[in-house]
Amino acid sequence: MFIQTEATPNPATLKFLPGRDVMGAGTADFPTSASAAKSPLATRLFEVEGVVGVFFGADFVTVTKTETVEWHHLKPAVLGAIMEHFTTDDPVMAEGAAPGAADESYDEADADIVAQIRDLIENRVRPAVAQDGGDIVFRGYDQGIVLLEMQGSCSGCPSSLATLKMGIENMLRHYIPEVVEVRPV
């Protein structure tokens, strides 16, 4: 099994491409080892000393490390854990465990605006963010303010605020005049 790696804009994360489906559809974010209980693969990755976050995309795994360990020391252990997992044919997610539904907050009177926001995020933003090993999740809309959560390599990335403000906010404001600001959750 050959696993490719790609750097991400976040120096604390690395994207691993095992050459097969990871989630297939959807994503799963594990920001702590306690949250990894519903995934045998995430649990295995958190057993590697220095791993502090795991994220699954359709065909990739993004791993976040502590500041105290360097990738050249951590990368072989992470590659080994991913390879071991996929060669044993264990499931990525435990049986019956599905990614959690996102908590969303918005007024039903704004349902049309929220539908437009979701459509733009799904079709224009998420594919680009996935290329960098992350995801973006709609969390709410209130009086022109859009709340978004960055996940995977985008969570804690030094450039994520610029991505939200300069990229996503400008695009949403262009297409949806009711949007006045985008804030991270």
Protein backbone atom coordinates (compact mmCIF):
# COMPACT_ATOMS: atom_id res chain seq x y z
CA MET A 1 0.00 0.00 0.00
CA PHE A 2 1.36 3.41 -0.99
CA ILE A 3 0.20 6.45 0.98
CA GLN A 4 0.92 9.88 -0.43
CA THR A 5 1.32 12.92 1.76
CA GLU A 6 0.67 16.57 1.00
CA ALA A 7 1.57 19.66 2.93
CA THR A 8 -1.29 21.94 3.94
CA PRO A 9 -1.32 25.69 4.59
CA ASN A 10 -1.34 24.82 8.30
CA PRO A 11 2.20 23.78 9.34
CA ALA A 12 0.76 21.70 12.22
CA THR A 13 -1.19 19.43 9.85
CA LEU A 14 -0.33 16.99 7.10
CA LYS A 15 -2.71 15.42 4.58
CA PHE A 16 -2.42 11.65 4.02
CA LEU A 17 -3.90 10.09 0.85
CA PRO A 18 -4.18 6.29 1.20
CA GLY A 19 -5.35 5.79 -2.41
CA ARG A 20 -8.80 4.58 -1.36
CA ASP A 21 -12.00 5.95 0.11
CA VAL A 22 -11.76 7.07 3.70
CA MET A 23 -15.25 8.47 4.34
CA GLY A 24 -16.57 8.19 0.79
CA ALA A 25 -19.24 10.78 1.49
CA GLY A 26 -19.17 13.37 4.23
CA THR A 27 -16.45 14.17 6.70
CA ALA A 28 -15.60 13.39 10.31
CA ASP A 29 -13.68 15.64 12.67
CA PHE A 30 -11.95 14.41 15.82
CA PRO A 31 -10.47 17.41 17.64
CA THR A 32 -9.62 15.35 20.75
CA SER A 33 -8.74 11.76 21.54
CA ALA A 34 -11.99 11.43 23.51
CA SER A 35 -13.99 12.27 20.38
CA ALA A 36 -12.27 9.46 18.46
CA ALA A 37 -14.11 6.63 20.26
CA LYS A 38 -16.50 6.11 17.32
CA SER A 39 -13.64 5.52 14.86
CA PRO A 40 -11.11 2.69 15.02
CA LEU A 41 -8.81 4.59 12.63
CA ALA A 42 -8.97 7.84 14.61
CA THR A 43 -8.38 5.92 17.85
CA ARG A 44 -5.31 4.26 16.31
CA LEU A 45 -3.95 7.62 15.14
CA PHE A 46 -4.41 9.23 18.56
CA GLU A 47 -2.26 6.43 20.01
CA VAL A 48 0.69 7.96 18.13
CA GLU A 49 2.44 10.31 20.53
CA GLY A 50 2.21 13.89 19.28
CA VAL A 51 -1.12 13.55 17.42
CA VAL A 52 -3.69 16.06 18.72
CA GLY A 53 -6.30 16.10 15.93
CA VAL A 54 -7.65 13.84 13.18
CA PHE A 55 -9.95 14.67 10.29
CA PHE A 56 -11.38 12.38 7.60
CA GLY A 57 -12.40 13.57 4.15
CA ALA A 58 -13.74 11.55 1.23
CA ASP A 59 -10.33 10.13 0.29
CA PHE A 60 -7.88 11.61 2.77
CA VAL A 61 -6.88 11.78 6.43
CA THR A 62 -5.56 15.00 7.93
CA VAL A 63 -3.49 14.72 11.09
CA THR A 64 -2.66 17.61 13.41
CA LYS A 65 0.43 17.43 15.62
CA THR A 66 1.64 19.22 18.73
CA GLU A 67 4.16 22.01 18.39
CA THR A 68 6.77 20.01 20.31
CA VAL A 69 7.24 17.24 17.74
CA GLU A 70 8.55 17.56 14.18
CA TRP A 71 6.89 15.92 11.17
CA HIS A 72 10.03 14.00 10.21
CA HIS A 73 9.75 12.15 13.55
CA LEU A 74 5.95 11.77 13.55
CA LYS A 75 5.22 11.01 9.89
CA PRO A 76 6.55 7.41 9.83
CA ALA A 77 4.41 6.44 12.85
CA VAL A 78 1.29 8.03 11.32
CA LEU A 79 1.93 6.32 7.98
CA GLY A 80 2.35 3.01 9.83
CA ALA A 81 -0.92 3.46 11.74
CA ILE A 82 -2.88 4.29 8.56
CA MET A 83 -1.31 1.41 6.64
CA GLU A 84 -1.95 -1.05 9.48
CA HIS A 85 -5.57 0.07 9.70
CA PHE A 86 -6.33 -0.34 6.02
CA THR A 87 -4.51 -3.67 5.68
CA THR A 88 -6.61 -5.16 8.50
CA ASP A 89 -9.85 -4.10 6.75
CA ASP A 90 -11.18 -2.56 9.95
CA PRO A 91 -13.94 -0.01 9.34
CA VAL A 92 -13.06 3.67 9.43
CA MET A 93 -16.12 4.37 11.57
CA ALA A 94 -17.53 1.94 14.15
CA GLU A 95 -20.73 0.19 13.16
CA GLY A 96 -23.68 2.51 13.65
CA ALA A 97 -21.45 5.53 14.25
CA ALA A 98 -22.16 8.29 11.81
CA PRO A 99 -20.62 11.73 11.79
CA GLY A 100 -22.57 13.99 14.15
CA ALA A 101 -25.08 16.39 12.72
CA ALA A 102 -23.97 19.98 12.89
CA ASP A 103 -25.70 22.26 15.36
CA GLU A 104 -27.19 25.10 13.38
CA SER A 105 -28.90 28.27 14.46
CA TYR A 106 -31.01 30.54 12.28
CA ASP A 107 -34.47 32.05 12.10
CA GLU A 108 -36.88 30.13 9.86
CA ALA A 109 -37.74 33.45 8.18
CA ASP A 110 -34.18 33.39 6.80
CA ALA A 111 -34.48 29.88 5.33
CA ASP A 112 -34.08 31.11 1.74
CA ILE A 113 -30.92 33.06 2.58
CA VAL A 114 -29.53 30.08 4.51
CA ALA A 115 -30.25 27.79 1.52
CA GLN A 116 -28.25 30.14 -0.74
CA ILE A 117 -25.39 30.28 1.78
CA ARG A 118 -25.29 26.48 2.06
CA ASP A 119 -25.34 26.09 -1.73
CA LEU A 120 -22.40 28.46 -2.21
CA ILE A 121 -20.42 26.83 0.59
CA GLU A 122 -21.13 23.31 -0.71
CA ASN A 123 -20.35 24.01 -4.36
CA ARG A 124 -17.70 26.73 -4.28
CA VAL A 125 -15.94 26.66 -0.91
CA ARG A 126 -15.87 23.07 0.37
CA PRO A 127 -14.08 21.60 -2.68
CA ALA A 128 -11.29 24.17 -2.35
CA VAL A 129 -11.01 23.72 1.40
CA ALA A 130 -10.90 19.92 0.97
CA GLN A 131 -7.88 20.34 -1.33
CA ASP A 132 -6.09 21.79 1.70
CA GLY A 133 -7.13 18.88 3.95
CA GLY A 134 -10.01 20.53 5.74
CA ASP A 135 -13.69 21.33 5.71
CA ILE A 136 -16.01 24.19 6.48
CA VAL A 137 -19.35 23.73 8.21
CA PHE A 138 -22.28 26.13 8.33
CA ARG A 139 -23.27 26.78 11.96
CA GLY A 140 -25.67 29.71 11.80
CA TYR A 141 -27.02 32.93 10.40
CA ASP A 142 -28.34 35.90 12.36
CA GLN A 143 -29.07 39.39 11.05
CA GLY A 144 -26.51 39.23 8.25
CA ILE A 145 -23.82 37.40 10.22
CA VAL A 146 -22.81 33.95 8.97
CA LEU A 147 -21.19 31.57 11.46
CA LEU A 148 -18.82 28.97 10.00
CA GLU A 149 -16.65 26.31 11.61
CA MET A 150 -13.31 25.40 10.10
CA GLN A 151 -12.26 21.76 10.52
CA GLY A 152 -9.27 19.58 9.75
CA SER A 153 -6.18 21.45 8.59
CA CYS A 154 -8.22 24.67 8.47
CA SER A 155 -8.90 24.62 12.21
CA GLY A 156 -6.18 26.67 13.84
CA CYS A 157 -4.50 27.45 10.53
CA PRO A 158 -2.74 30.81 10.51
CA SER A 159 -4.42 31.71 7.19
CA SER A 160 -7.94 30.52 8.09
CA LEU A 161 -9.09 33.96 9.27
CA ALA A 162 -7.91 35.50 6.01
CA THR A 163 -9.70 32.73 4.09
CA LEU A 164 -12.91 33.47 5.99
CA LYS A 165 -12.71 37.25 5.72
CA MET A 166 -11.09 37.87 2.35
CA GLY A 167 -12.39 34.89 0.45
CA ILE A 168 -15.60 33.45 1.82
CA GLU A 169 -17.05 36.66 3.26
CA ASN A 170 -16.41 38.60 0.04
CA MET A 171 -17.95 35.84 -2.09
CA LEU A 172 -21.06 35.52 0.11
CA ARG A 173 -21.53 39.30 0.22
CA HIS A 174 -21.23 39.44 -3.57
CA TYR A 175 -23.93 36.82 -4.21
CA ILE A 176 -26.15 37.44 -1.16
CA PRO A 177 -26.60 41.13 -0.31
CA GLU A 178 -28.10 40.27 3.10
CA VAL A 179 -24.74 38.88 4.29
CA VAL A 180 -22.70 41.54 6.07
CA GLU A 181 -20.07 39.47 7.89
CA VAL A 182 -18.64 35.97 8.31
CA ARG A 183 -17.39 34.88 11.74
CA PRO A 184 -15.56 31.72 12.81
CA VAL A 185 -17.08 29.48 15.46
